[in-house]
Amino acid sequence: MVRGYLTTKSTDDAGKPRIDVAFDELDDELFGGGHLRRDQVLVDVAYTSLNYKDALLLAGRPGVSRADVLVPGIDVVGVVRESRTQNFVPGDRVVLNGAGLGETRHGGLAELCLVDDESLIHLPEAMSLVDGAAIGTAGYTAMLSVLALEKRVEPGDGDVLVTGAAGGVGSVAVALLAGLGYRVVASTGRGDQEGDYLRRLGAAEIIDRHELSDAVGKPLQTERWAGAVDAVGSTTLANVLAQTRREGIVTSCGLAQGTDLPTTVMPFILRGVTLRGINSVVQSVEVRAEAWNRLLELDSELLESMTEVIGLEEALDYAHPILDGKVRGRTVVRVRGDL
């Protein structure tokens, strides 16, 4: 048997959909039952991490899971136990983010995970298993944003804004951008509590999120940002676009404030601003490998400072604090631990 979380869709007495979450011993049949198909890889999960999507599902919120029965967890970092592909052999250290994990197929919040090899990559040799999970989807998403941003903006071109800066994506984005020489402005609603933390990560300036989130301003506002990494969406993203300089770029990778975007075409047609969506779920192996190799640039001490490691049985208790914005940085879940 395998320890892990299992979510089950059902309906309540009023006929409304509900999601039940249990931590239990799971049946081996969920992980192939010892019979792998061609191109499948069975992974002993060492660590995973908690992301916003994971928190939604663990809290029983609809919209993430598209399966009736599902192991949550959109990250897997571990060691290959069995393989039916030439690309991986038992003992290989591997990482997988997105690719349907914790949404359409069983994810990383269990001691085993059965995956296809089409999106699986080898963990960089110089990276530990726990650091791979500390980076996780959030750090991988942050690096995809940096890869897009640095094609249009160079250090010295002007301030680069990071919204949701104390969260998982934001924390890694601040550290990466500052390490590359950009002057980073961090937007957060927790400046009093997290100001010192963000400055240690490399933020040169901190602004209150309410400057951007409370109300939509004019379609074109004073030009402030050479570029931006936005993990918030909604009114915040609309104002960021309106304040971005000519030919600047804004990457969009989150919806913490909302899925709406109350803006106009003005920033795009009068300032040439680029809004670049970041899709961390579906990417080629080549892009994944590039991002993960570049993540070796992330200062390991800074990564450790933004990371909390918890036990597998504790994961459920962190769902609501993550959704309420009370957890900073990265939360790593020790599943089997170092293997």
C-alpha atoms as a PDB file:
ATOM      1  CA  MET A   1       0.000   0.000   0.000  1.00  0.00           C
ATOM      2  CA  VAL A   2       1.016   3.596  -0.618  1.00  0.00           C
ATOM      3  CA  ARG A   3       0.446   6.558   1.698  1.00  0.00           C
ATOM      4  CA  GLY A   4      -1.092   9.621   0.132  1.00  0.00           C
ATOM      5  CA  TYR A   5      -4.050  11.924  -0.392  1.00  0.00           C
ATOM      6  CA  LEU A   6      -7.079  11.051  -2.483  1.00  0.00           C
ATOM      7  CA  THR A   7      -9.815  13.418  -3.588  1.00  0.00           C
ATOM      8  CA  THR A   8     -13.245  12.133  -4.567  1.00  0.00           C
ATOM      9  CA  LYS A   9     -15.995  14.039  -6.350  1.00  0.00           C
ATOM     10  CA  SER A  10     -19.565  13.580  -5.155  1.00  0.00           C
ATOM     11  CA  THR A  11     -22.740  15.578  -4.513  1.00  0.00           C
ATOM     12  CA  ASP A  12     -24.224  16.736  -1.235  1.00  0.00           C
ATOM     13  CA  ASP A  13     -27.820  16.289  -0.078  1.00  0.00           C
ATOM     14  CA  ALA A  14     -28.857  19.358  -2.055  1.00  0.00           C
ATOM     15  CA  GLY A  15     -27.328  17.999  -5.233  1.00  0.00           C
ATOM     16  CA  LYS A  16     -24.416  20.426  -5.253  1.00  0.00           C
ATOM     17  CA  PRO A  17     -20.960  19.140  -6.224  1.00  0.00           C
ATOM     18  CA  ARG A  18     -18.492  18.510  -3.446  1.00  0.00           C
ATOM     19  CA  ILE A  19     -14.943  17.213  -3.158  1.00  0.00           C
ATOM     20  CA  ASP A  20     -13.931  14.964  -0.277  1.00  0.00           C
ATOM     21  CA  VAL A  21     -10.267  14.745   0.688  1.00  0.00           C
ATOM     22  CA  ALA A  22      -8.726  11.856   2.617  1.00  0.00           C
ATOM     23  CA  PHE A  23      -5.204  10.950   3.744  1.00  0.00           C
ATOM     24  CA  ASP A  24      -4.956   7.178   3.702  1.00  0.00           C
ATOM     25  CA  GLU A  25      -3.285   4.028   2.421  1.00  0.00           C
ATOM     26  CA  LEU A  26      -3.924   3.988  -1.325  1.00  0.00           C
ATOM     27  CA  ASP A  27      -4.426   0.973  -3.567  1.00  0.00           C
ATOM     28  CA  ASP A  28      -1.473  -0.021  -5.762  1.00  0.00           C
ATOM     29  CA  GLU A  29      -3.847  -0.112  -8.735  1.00  0.00           C
ATOM     30  CA  LEU A  30      -3.794   3.688  -8.754  1.00  0.00           C
ATOM     31  CA  PHE A  31      -0.120   3.447  -9.700  1.00  0.00           C
ATOM     32  CA  GLY A  32      -0.259   0.770 -12.359  1.00  0.00           C
ATOM     33  CA  GLY A  33      -0.541  -2.268 -10.098  1.00  0.00           C
ATOM     34  CA  GLY A  34       2.912  -3.394 -11.204  1.00  0.00           C
ATOM     35  CA  HIS A  35       2.037  -3.299 -14.920  1.00  0.00           C
ATOM     36  CA  LEU A  36       3.513  -0.306 -16.728  1.00  0.00           C
ATOM     37  CA  ARG A  37       2.554   0.516 -20.303  1.00  0.00           C
ATOM     38  CA  ARG A  38       5.085   1.530 -22.913  1.00  0.00           C
ATOM     39  CA  ASP A  39       6.667   4.943 -22.199  1.00  0.00           C
ATOM     40  CA  GLN A  40       5.455   4.987 -18.593  1.00  0.00           C
ATOM     41  CA  VAL A  41       7.713   5.645 -15.614  1.00  0.00           C
ATOM     42  CA  LEU A  42       6.969   4.797 -11.977  1.00  0.00           C
ATOM     43  CA  VAL A  43       8.562   7.305  -9.593  1.00  0.00           C
ATOM     44  CA  ASP A  44       9.252   7.043  -5.867  1.00  0.00           C
ATOM     45  CA  VAL A  45       8.219  10.532  -4.786  1.00  0.00           C
ATOM     46  CA  ALA A  46      10.831  12.103  -2.528  1.00  0.00           C
ATOM     47  CA  TYR A  47       9.298  15.564  -2.250  1.00  0.00           C
ATOM     48  CA  THR A  48       6.511  17.626  -3.703  1.00  0.00           C
ATOM     49  CA  SER A  49       5.397  21.180  -2.993  1.00  0.00           C
ATOM     50  CA  LEU A  50       2.166  23.009  -2.295  1.00  0.00           C
ATOM     51  CA  ASN A  51       1.015  25.439  -4.941  1.00  0.00           C
ATOM     52  CA  TYR A  52      -2.146  27.523  -5.255  1.00  0.00           C
ATOM     53  CA  LYS A  53      -3.855  24.824  -7.366  1.00  0.00           C
ATOM     54  CA  ASP A  54      -2.977  22.177  -4.789  1.00  0.00           C
ATOM     55  CA  ALA A  55      -4.407  24.317  -2.009  1.00  0.00           C
ATOM     56  CA  LEU A  56      -7.662  24.794  -3.927  1.00  0.00           C
ATOM     57  CA  LEU A  57      -8.103  21.058  -4.349  1.00  0.00           C
ATOM     58  CA  LEU A  58      -7.067  20.146  -0.803  1.00  0.00           C
ATOM     59  CA  ALA A  59      -9.586  22.711   0.452  1.00  0.00           C
ATOM     60  CA  GLY A  60     -12.309  20.949  -1.523  1.00  0.00           C
ATOM     61  CA  ARG A  61     -12.753  23.785  -4.009  1.00  0.00           C
ATOM     62  CA  PRO A  62     -14.064  22.909  -7.491  1.00  0.00           C
ATOM     63  CA  GLY A  63     -12.345  23.832 -10.737  1.00  0.00           C
ATOM     64  CA  VAL A  64      -8.958  22.111 -10.462  1.00  0.00           C
ATOM     65  CA  SER A  65      -9.736  18.396 -10.582  1.00  0.00           C
ATOM     66  CA  ARG A  66     -11.174  17.011 -13.794  1.00  0.00           C
ATOM     67  CA  ALA A  67     -11.253  13.429 -12.543  1.00  0.00           C
ATOM     68  CA  ASP A  68     -13.723  11.752 -10.200  1.00  0.00           C
ATOM     69  CA  VAL A  69     -10.924  10.211  -8.138  1.00  0.00           C
ATOM     70  CA  LEU A  70      -7.536  11.931  -8.025  1.00  0.00           C
ATOM     71  CA  VAL A  71      -4.276  12.137  -6.110  1.00  0.00           C
ATOM     72  CA  PRO A  72      -3.540  15.885  -5.872  1.00  0.00           C
ATOM     73  CA  GLY A  73      -0.164  17.544  -6.329  1.00  0.00           C
ATOM     74  CA  ILE A  74       1.106  19.286  -9.481  1.00  0.00           C
ATOM     75  CA  ASP A  75       4.800  18.672  -8.680  1.00  0.00           C
ATOM     76  CA  VAL A  76       6.824  15.464  -8.513  1.00  0.00           C
ATOM     77  CA  VAL A  77      10.482  15.231  -7.543  1.00  0.00           C
ATOM     78  CA  GLY A  78      11.859  11.772  -6.978  1.00  0.00           C
ATOM     79  CA  VAL A  79      13.718   8.704  -8.164  1.00  0.00           C
ATOM     80  CA  VAL A  80      12.702   6.278 -10.907  1.00  0.00           C
ATOM     81  CA  ARG A  81      11.606   2.886  -9.528  1.00  0.00           C
ATOM     82  CA  GLU A  82      10.522   1.257 -12.813  1.00  0.00           C
ATOM     83  CA  SER A  83      10.634   2.397 -16.418  1.00  0.00           C
ATOM     84  CA  ARG A  84       9.322   1.269 -19.792  1.00  0.00           C
ATOM     85  CA  THR A  85      11.196   3.867 -21.802  1.00  0.00           C
ATOM     86  CA  GLN A  86      14.779   4.153 -22.959  1.00  0.00           C
ATOM     87  CA  ASN A  87      14.985   7.723 -21.671  1.00  0.00           C
ATOM     88  CA  PHE A  88      14.940   6.802 -17.984  1.00  0.00           C
ATOM     89  CA  VAL A  89      16.297   3.936 -15.901  1.00  0.00           C
ATOM     90  CA  PRO A  90      15.762   2.961 -12.244  1.00  0.00           C
ATOM     91  CA  GLY A  91      17.724   5.270  -9.981  1.00  0.00           C
ATOM     92  CA  ASP A  92      17.430   8.354 -12.199  1.00  0.00           C
ATOM     93  CA  ARG A  93      16.522  11.542 -10.324  1.00  0.00           C
ATOM     94  CA  VAL A  94      13.608  13.222 -12.104  1.00  0.00           C
ATOM     95  CA  VAL A  95      11.272  16.188 -11.912  1.00  0.00           C
ATOM     96  CA  LEU A  96       7.874  16.882 -13.439  1.00  0.00           C
ATOM     97  CA  ASN A  97       5.693  19.971 -13.126  1.00  0.00           C
ATOM     98  CA  GLY A  98       2.177  20.359 -14.494  1.00  0.00           C
ATOM     99  CA  ALA A  99       1.484  18.109 -17.496  1.00  0.00           C
ATOM    100  CA  GLY A 100      -1.910  17.267 -15.961  1.00  0.00           C
ATOM    101  CA  LEU A 101      -0.564  16.165 -12.579  1.00  0.00           C
ATOM    102  CA  GLY A 102      -3.110  16.874  -9.851  1.00  0.00           C
ATOM    103  CA  GLU A 103      -5.697  17.891 -12.464  1.00  0.00           C
ATOM    104  CA  THR A 104      -6.368  15.063 -14.913  1.00  0.00           C
ATOM    105  CA  ARG A 105      -3.926  12.445 -13.614  1.00  0.00           C
ATOM    106  CA  HIS A 106      -2.631  11.372 -10.231  1.00  0.00           C
ATOM    107  CA  GLY A 107      -0.078  13.770  -8.806  1.00  0.00           C
ATOM    108  CA  GLY A 108       2.688  14.081  -6.276  1.00  0.00           C
ATOM    109  CA  LEU A 109       0.937  13.979  -2.898  1.00  0.00           C
ATOM    110  CA  ALA A 110       1.494  10.234  -2.572  1.00  0.00           C
ATOM    111  CA  GLU A 111       4.544   8.031  -2.194  1.00  0.00           C
ATOM    112  CA  LEU A 112       4.349   6.806  -5.802  1.00  0.00           C
ATOM    113  CA  CYS A 113       3.510   8.559  -9.049  1.00  0.00           C
ATOM    114  CA  LEU A 114       2.999   6.970 -12.453  1.00  0.00           C
ATOM    115  CA  VAL A 115       3.881   9.341 -15.305  1.00  0.00           C
ATOM    116  CA  ASP A 116       4.465   9.343 -19.057  1.00  0.00           C
ATOM    117  CA  ASP A 117       7.958  10.171 -20.189  1.00  0.00           C
ATOM    118  CA  GLU A 118       6.905  12.875 -22.674  1.00  0.00           C
ATOM    119  CA  SER A 119       7.225  15.710 -20.132  1.00  0.00           C
ATOM    120  CA  LEU A 120       9.503  14.123 -17.538  1.00  0.00           C
ATOM    121  CA  ILE A 121      13.067  15.477 -17.307  1.00  0.00           C
ATOM    122  CA  HIS A 122      16.180  14.614 -15.356  1.00  0.00           C
ATOM    123  CA  LEU A 123      16.789  16.824 -12.343  1.00  0.00           C
ATOM    124  CA  PRO A 124      19.986  18.833 -12.905  1.00  0.00           C
ATOM    125  CA  GLU A 125      22.916  16.966 -11.361  1.00  0.00           C
ATOM    126  CA  ALA A 126      23.948  19.874  -9.167  1.00  0.00           C
ATOM    127  CA  MET A 127      20.455  20.247  -7.663  1.00  0.00           C
ATOM    128  CA  SER A 128      19.276  18.337  -4.588  1.00  0.00           C
ATOM    129  CA  LEU A 129      15.889  16.635  -4.482  1.00  0.00           C
ATOM    130  CA  VAL A 130      14.608  18.995  -1.814  1.00  0.00           C
ATOM    131  CA  ASP A 131      15.767  22.068  -3.754  1.00  0.00           C
ATOM    132  CA  GLY A 132      13.981  20.716  -6.812  1.00  0.00           C
ATOM    133  CA  ALA A 133      10.744  20.614  -4.835  1.00  0.00           C
ATOM    134  CA  ALA A 134      11.406  24.015  -3.258  1.00  0.00           C
ATOM    135  CA  ILE A 135      11.609  25.415  -6.778  1.00  0.00           C
ATOM    136  CA  GLY A 136       8.659  23.353  -7.999  1.00  0.00           C
ATOM    137  CA  THR A 137       5.982  24.700 -10.302  1.00  0.00           C
ATOM    138  CA  ALA A 138       6.203  28.156  -8.735  1.00  0.00           C
ATOM    139  CA  GLY A 139       9.925  28.531  -9.384  1.00  0.00           C
ATOM    140  CA  TYR A 140       9.654  26.919 -12.812  1.00  0.00           C
ATOM    141  CA  THR A 141       6.861  29.374 -13.670  1.00  0.00           C
ATOM    142  CA  ALA A 142       8.984  32.257 -12.396  1.00  0.00           C
ATOM    143  CA  MET A 143      11.866  31.162 -14.634  1.00  0.00           C
ATOM    144  CA  LEU A 144       9.568  30.877 -17.664  1.00  0.00           C
ATOM    145  CA  SER A 145       8.565  34.469 -16.925  1.00  0.00           C
ATOM    146  CA  VAL A 146      12.208  35.548 -16.659  1.00  0.00           C
ATOM    147  CA  LEU A 147      13.065  33.803 -19.949  1.00  0.00           C
ATOM    148  CA  ALA A 148      10.294  35.759 -21.672  1.00  0.00           C
ATOM    149  CA  LEU A 149      11.113  39.056 -19.974  1.00  0.00           C
ATOM    150  CA  GLU A 150      14.858  39.072 -20.610  1.00  0.00           C
ATOM    151  CA  LYS A 151      14.262  38.876 -24.379  1.00  0.00           C
ATOM    152  CA  ARG A 152      12.755  42.374 -24.229  1.00  0.00           C
ATOM    153  CA  VAL A 153      14.218  44.041 -21.142  1.00  0.00           C
ATOM    154  CA  GLU A 154      17.825  44.283 -20.031  1.00  0.00           C
ATOM    155  CA  PRO A 155      19.161  45.229 -16.579  1.00  0.00           C
ATOM    156  CA  GLY A 156      19.450  48.991 -16.585  1.00  0.00           C
ATOM    157  CA  ASP A 157      16.395  49.541 -18.793  1.00  0.00           C
ATOM    158  CA  GLY A 158      14.291  50.466 -15.766  1.00  0.00           C
ATOM    159  CA  ASP A 159      12.381  49.034 -12.850  1.00  0.00           C
ATOM    160  CA  VAL A 160      10.876  45.554 -13.101  1.00  0.00           C
ATOM    161  CA  LEU A 161       7.768  44.951 -11.007  1.00  0.00           C
ATOM    162  CA  VAL A 162       6.836  41.658  -9.351  1.00  0.00           C
ATOM    163  CA  THR A 163       3.287  41.378  -8.002  1.00  0.00           C
ATOM    164  CA  GLY A 164       2.307  38.897  -5.317  1.00  0.00           C
ATOM    165  CA  ALA A 165       5.947  39.158  -4.381  1.00  0.00           C
ATOM    166  CA  ALA A 166       5.809  37.279  -1.066  1.00  0.00           C
ATOM    167  CA  GLY A 167       4.126  34.255  -2.647  1.00  0.00           C
ATOM    168  CA  GLY A 168       5.806  31.281  -4.272  1.00  0.00           C
ATOM    169  CA  VAL A 169       6.152  32.582  -7.836  1.00  0.00           C
ATOM    170  CA  GLY A 170       6.843  36.098  -6.624  1.00  0.00           C
ATOM    171  CA  SER A 171       9.570  35.136  -4.169  1.00  0.00           C
ATOM    172  CA  VAL A 172      11.515  33.162  -6.764  1.00  0.00           C
ATOM    173  CA  ALA A 173      10.984  35.844  -9.423  1.00  0.00           C
ATOM    174  CA  VAL A 174      12.354  38.546  -7.116  1.00  0.00           C
ATOM    175  CA  ALA A 175      15.444  36.472  -6.317  1.00  0.00           C
ATOM    176  CA  LEU A 176      16.073  35.484  -9.947  1.00  0.00           C
ATOM    177  CA  LEU A 177      15.643  38.984 -11.376  1.00  0.00           C
ATOM    178  CA  ALA A 178      17.727  40.650  -8.673  1.00  0.00           C
ATOM    179  CA  GLY A 179      20.445  38.040  -9.205  1.00  0.00           C
ATOM    180  CA  LEU A 180      20.503  38.922 -12.910  1.00  0.00           C
ATOM    181  CA  GLY A 181      21.026  42.595 -12.105  1.00  0.00           C
ATOM    182  CA  TYR A 182      17.513  43.996 -12.546  1.00  0.00           C
ATOM    183  CA  ARG A 183      16.194  46.644 -10.161  1.00  0.00           C
ATOM    184  CA  VAL A 184      13.174  44.861  -8.700  1.00  0.00           C
ATOM    185  CA  VAL A 185      10.135  46.528  -7.182  1.00  0.00           C
ATOM    186  CA  ALA A 186       8.057  44.129  -5.093  1.00  0.00           C
ATOM    187  CA  SER A 187       4.304  44.586  -4.686  1.00  0.00           C
ATOM    188  CA  THR A 188       2.783  42.938  -1.612  1.00  0.00           C
ATOM    189  CA  GLY A 189      -0.015  43.375   0.860  1.00  0.00           C
ATOM    190  CA  ARG A 190       2.286  42.231   3.663  1.00  0.00           C
ATOM    191  CA  GLY A 191       4.995  44.862   3.503  1.00  0.00           C
ATOM    192  CA  ASP A 192       5.144  45.338   7.272  1.00  0.00           C
ATOM    193  CA  GLN A 193       5.624  41.624   7.936  1.00  0.00           C
ATOM    194  CA  GLU A 194       7.569  40.595   4.828  1.00  0.00           C
ATOM    195  CA  GLY A 195       9.537  43.704   3.936  1.00  0.00           C
ATOM    196  CA  ASP A 196      12.837  42.452   5.365  1.00  0.00           C
ATOM    197  CA  TYR A 197      12.276  39.057   3.730  1.00  0.00           C
ATOM    198  CA  LEU A 198      11.744  40.622   0.295  1.00  0.00           C
ATOM    199  CA  ARG A 199      14.775  42.873   0.660  1.00  0.00           C
ATOM    200  CA  ARG A 200      16.913  39.840   1.493  1.00  0.00           C
ATOM    201  CA  LEU A 201      15.678  38.249  -1.729  1.00  0.00           C
ATOM    202  CA  GLY A 202      16.885  41.318  -3.599  1.00  0.00           C
ATOM    203  CA  ALA A 203      13.936  43.730  -3.828  1.00  0.00           C
ATOM    204  CA  ALA A 204      15.185  47.319  -4.125  1.00  0.00           C
ATOM    205  CA  GLU A 205      11.788  48.825  -3.326  1.00  0.00           C
ATOM    206  CA  ILE A 206       8.485  47.624  -1.891  1.00  0.00           C
ATOM    207  CA  ILE A 207       5.058  49.033  -2.711  1.00  0.00           C
ATOM    208  CA  ASP A 208       1.680  48.267  -1.189  1.00  0.00           C
ATOM    209  CA  ARG A 209      -0.461  46.084  -3.411  1.00  0.00           C
ATOM    210  CA  HIS A 210      -3.428  48.402  -2.854  1.00  0.00           C
ATOM    211  CA  GLU A 211      -1.758  50.930  -5.156  1.00  0.00           C
ATOM    212  CA  LEU A 212      -2.552  48.490  -7.954  1.00  0.00           C
ATOM    213  CA  SER A 213      -5.440  46.353  -6.736  1.00  0.00           C
ATOM    214  CA  ASP A 214      -8.097  48.685  -5.318  1.00  0.00           C
ATOM    215  CA  ALA A 215      -9.486  50.351  -8.450  1.00  0.00           C
ATOM    216  CA  VAL A 216      -8.822  50.418 -12.170  1.00  0.00           C
ATOM    217  CA  GLY A 217      -7.103  53.665 -13.137  1.00  0.00           C
ATOM    218  CA  LYS A 218      -6.876  55.389 -16.496  1.00  0.00           C
ATOM    219  CA  PRO A 219      -6.157  53.200 -19.532  1.00  0.00           C
ATOM    220  CA  LEU A 220      -2.745  54.888 -19.820  1.00  0.00           C
ATOM    221  CA  GLN A 221      -0.998  55.983 -16.634  1.00  0.00           C
ATOM    222  CA  THR A 222       2.445  57.323 -15.786  1.00  0.00           C
ATOM    223  CA  GLU A 223       5.078  54.991 -17.257  1.00  0.00           C
ATOM    224  CA  ARG A 224       6.811  53.167 -14.387  1.00  0.00           C
ATOM    225  CA  TRP A 225       7.820  49.641 -15.389  1.00  0.00           C
ATOM    226  CA  ALA A 226      10.219  48.403 -18.034  1.00  0.00           C
ATOM    227  CA  GLY A 227       8.733  44.989 -17.406  1.00  0.00           C
ATOM    228  CA  ALA A 228       6.691  43.070 -14.884  1.00  0.00           C
ATOM    229  CA  VAL A 229       5.929  39.568 -13.624  1.00  0.00           C
ATOM    230  CA  ASP A 230       2.281  39.370 -12.555  1.00  0.00           C
ATOM    231  CA  ALA A 231       0.873  36.509 -10.496  1.00  0.00           C
ATOM    232  CA  VAL A 232      -2.322  38.325  -9.487  1.00  0.00           C
ATOM    233  CA  GLY A 233      -4.448  39.182 -12.528  1.00  0.00           C
ATOM    234  CA  SER A 234      -7.652  41.268 -12.520  1.00  0.00           C
ATOM    235  CA  THR A 235      -7.439  44.950 -11.517  1.00  0.00           C
ATOM    236  CA  THR A 236      -3.787  44.616 -10.553  1.00  0.00           C
ATOM    237  CA  LEU A 237      -2.778  43.386 -13.997  1.00  0.00           C
ATOM    238  CA  ALA A 238      -4.877  46.078 -15.693  1.00  0.00           C
ATOM    239  CA  ASN A 239      -3.065  48.810 -13.765  1.00  0.00           C
ATOM    240  CA  VAL A 240       0.334  47.219 -14.350  1.00  0.00           C
ATOM    241  CA  LEU A 241      -0.303  47.245 -18.104  1.00  0.00           C
ATOM    242  CA  ALA A 242      -1.390  50.873 -17.956  1.00  0.00           C
ATOM    243  CA  GLN A 243       1.853  51.805 -16.164  1.00  0.00           C
ATOM    244  CA  THR A 244       4.261  49.806 -18.346  1.00  0.00           C
ATOM    245  CA  ARG A 245       6.704  51.760 -20.493  1.00  0.00           C
ATOM    246  CA  ARG A 246       6.783  51.808 -24.278  1.00  0.00           C
ATOM    247  CA  GLU A 247       7.751  48.440 -25.743  1.00  0.00           C
ATOM    248  CA  GLY A 248       7.758  46.914 -22.274  1.00  0.00           C
ATOM    249  CA  ILE A 249       6.606  43.391 -21.456  1.00  0.00           C
ATOM    250  CA  VAL A 250       4.345  41.994 -18.743  1.00  0.00           C
ATOM    251  CA  THR A 251       4.169  38.253 -18.079  1.00  0.00           C
ATOM    252  CA  SER A 252       0.913  36.881 -16.704  1.00  0.00           C
ATOM    253  CA  CYS A 253       1.045  33.645 -14.714  1.00  0.00           C
ATOM    254  CA  GLY A 254      -1.553  33.847 -11.944  1.00  0.00           C
ATOM    255  CA  LEU A 255      -5.067  34.807 -10.904  1.00  0.00           C
ATOM    256  CA  ALA A 256      -4.900  35.362  -7.154  1.00  0.00           C
ATOM    257  CA  GLN A 257      -7.090  38.470  -7.428  1.00  0.00           C
ATOM    258  CA  GLY A 258      -9.323  37.170 -10.198  1.00  0.00           C
ATOM    259  CA  THR A 259      -9.636  35.881 -13.749  1.00  0.00           C
ATOM    260  CA  ASP A 260     -11.039  39.108 -15.192  1.00  0.00           C
ATOM    261  CA  LEU A 261      -8.921  41.738 -16.943  1.00  0.00           C
ATOM    262  CA  PRO A 262     -10.655  45.158 -16.928  1.00  0.00           C
ATOM    263  CA  THR A 263      -8.363  46.928 -19.377  1.00  0.00           C
ATOM    264  CA  THR A 264      -8.441  48.419 -22.879  1.00  0.00           C
ATOM    265  CA  VAL A 265      -6.301  47.995 -25.982  1.00  0.00           C
ATOM    266  CA  MET A 266      -4.603  51.357 -25.298  1.00  0.00           C
ATOM    267  CA  PRO A 267      -1.375  50.022 -23.695  1.00  0.00           C
ATOM    268  CA  PHE A 268      -0.929  47.652 -26.629  1.00  0.00           C
ATOM    269  CA  ILE A 269      -1.627  49.966 -29.582  1.00  0.00           C
ATOM    270  CA  LEU A 270      -0.237  53.241 -28.200  1.00  0.00           C
ATOM    271  CA  ARG A 271       2.761  51.992 -26.205  1.00  0.00           C
ATOM    272  CA  GLY A 272       3.488  48.669 -27.851  1.00  0.00           C
ATOM    273  CA  VAL A 273       3.241  46.832 -24.537  1.00  0.00           C
ATOM    274  CA  THR A 274       3.421  43.031 -24.761  1.00  0.00           C
ATOM    275  CA  LEU A 275       1.264  40.862 -22.511  1.00  0.00           C
ATOM    276  CA  ARG A 276       2.887  37.428 -22.468  1.00  0.00           C
ATOM    277  CA  GLY A 277       0.968  34.513 -20.997  1.00  0.00           C
ATOM    278  CA  ILE A 278       3.005  31.910 -19.119  1.00  0.00           C
ATOM    279  CA  ASN A 279       1.810  28.314 -19.445  1.00  0.00           C
ATOM    280  CA  SER A 280       3.635  26.066 -17.006  1.00  0.00           C
ATOM    281  CA  VAL A 281       1.360  23.072 -17.596  1.00  0.00           C
ATOM    282  CA  VAL A 282       2.079  22.269 -21.249  1.00  0.00           C
ATOM    283  CA  GLN A 283       5.661  22.813 -22.409  1.00  0.00           C
ATOM    284  CA  SER A 284       8.116  20.856 -24.508  1.00  0.00           C
ATOM    285  CA  VAL A 285      10.857  18.838 -22.872  1.00  0.00           C
ATOM    286  CA  GLU A 286      13.368  21.255 -24.406  1.00  0.00           C
ATOM    287  CA  VAL A 287      11.789  24.312 -22.777  1.00  0.00           C
ATOM    288  CA  ARG A 288      11.454  22.480 -19.458  1.00  0.00           C
ATOM    289  CA  ALA A 289      15.109  21.469 -19.519  1.00  0.00           C
ATOM    290  CA  GLU A 290      16.240  24.999 -20.403  1.00  0.00           C
ATOM    291  CA  ALA A 291      14.226  26.486 -17.538  1.00  0.00           C
ATOM    292  CA  TRP A 292      15.471  23.924 -15.001  1.00  0.00           C
ATOM    293  CA  ASN A 293      19.098  24.321 -16.029  1.00  0.00           C
ATOM    294  CA  ARG A 294      18.767  28.091 -15.727  1.00  0.00           C
ATOM    295  CA  LEU A 295      17.283  27.607 -12.254  1.00  0.00           C
ATOM    296  CA  LEU A 296      20.742  26.525 -11.118  1.00  0.00           C
ATOM    297  CA  GLU A 297      21.429  30.288 -11.118  1.00  0.00           C
ATOM    298  CA  LEU A 298      19.103  30.696  -8.136  1.00  0.00           C
ATOM    299  CA  ASP A 299      21.075  31.294  -4.951  1.00  0.00           C
ATOM    300  CA  SER A 300      20.652  28.155  -2.814  1.00  0.00           C
ATOM    301  CA  GLU A 301      20.790  30.101   0.445  1.00  0.00           C
ATOM    302  CA  LEU A 302      18.012  32.415  -0.732  1.00  0.00           C
ATOM    303  CA  LEU A 303      15.981  29.398  -1.811  1.00  0.00           C
ATOM    304  CA  GLU A 304      16.402  27.829   1.612  1.00  0.00           C
ATOM    305  CA  SER A 305      15.379  31.081   3.305  1.00  0.00           C
ATOM    306  CA  MET A 306      12.057  31.138   1.427  1.00  0.00           C
ATOM    307  CA  THR A 307      11.252  27.451   2.006  1.00  0.00           C
ATOM    308  CA  GLU A 308       9.439  25.558   4.760  1.00  0.00           C
ATOM    309  CA  VAL A 309       9.528  21.749   4.761  1.00  0.00           C
ATOM    310  CA  ILE A 310       6.546  19.879   6.231  1.00  0.00           C
ATOM    311  CA  GLY A 311       5.489  16.244   6.553  1.00  0.00           C
ATOM    312  CA  LEU A 312       3.098  14.557   4.130  1.00  0.00           C
ATOM    313  CA  GLU A 313       0.419  14.284   6.813  1.00  0.00           C
ATOM    314  CA  GLU A 314       0.579  18.073   7.401  1.00  0.00           C
ATOM    315  CA  ALA A 315      -0.232  19.150   3.848  1.00  0.00           C
ATOM    316  CA  LEU A 316      -3.988  19.417   4.364  1.00  0.00           C
ATOM    317  CA  ASP A 317      -3.521  21.912   7.200  1.00  0.00           C
ATOM    318  CA  TYR A 318      -1.727  24.334   4.865  1.00  0.00           C
ATOM    319  CA  ALA A 319      -4.441  24.596   2.206  1.00  0.00           C
ATOM    320  CA  HIS A 320      -6.512  27.404   3.697  1.00  0.00           C
ATOM    321  CA  PRO A 321      -3.517  29.496   4.892  1.00  0.00           C
ATOM    322  CA  ILE A 322      -2.109  29.371   1.339  1.00  0.00           C
ATOM    323  CA  LEU A 323      -5.446  30.453  -0.135  1.00  0.00           C
ATOM    324  CA  ASP A 324      -5.707  33.242   2.438  1.00  0.00           C
ATOM    325  CA  GLY A 325      -2.260  34.578   1.512  1.00  0.00           C
ATOM    326  CA  LYS A 326      -0.799  33.794   4.919  1.00  0.00           C
ATOM    327  CA  VAL A 327       2.025  31.541   3.719  1.00  0.00           C
ATOM    328  CA  ARG A 328       5.102  33.168   2.236  1.00  0.00           C
ATOM    329  CA  GLY A 329       7.552  31.656  -0.204  1.00  0.00           C
ATOM    330  CA  ARG A 330       7.584  27.925  -0.835  1.00  0.00           C
ATOM    331  CA  THR A 331       6.131  24.988   1.092  1.00  0.00           C
ATOM    332  CA  VAL A 332       7.841  21.659   0.440  1.00  0.00           C
ATOM    333  CA  VAL A 333       6.170  18.389   1.397  1.00  0.00           C
ATOM    334  CA  ARG A 334       8.483  15.580   2.474  1.00  0.00           C
ATOM    335  CA  VAL A 335       6.885  12.468   0.986  1.00  0.00           C
ATOM    336  CA  ARG A 336       9.563   9.774   1.207  1.00  0.00           C
ATOM    337  CA  GLY A 337      12.394  12.212   1.809  1.00  0.00           C
ATOM    338  CA  ASP A 338      15.885  11.828   0.375  1.00  0.00           C
ATOM    339  CA  LEU A 339      16.224   8.549  -1.512  1.00  0.00           C
END
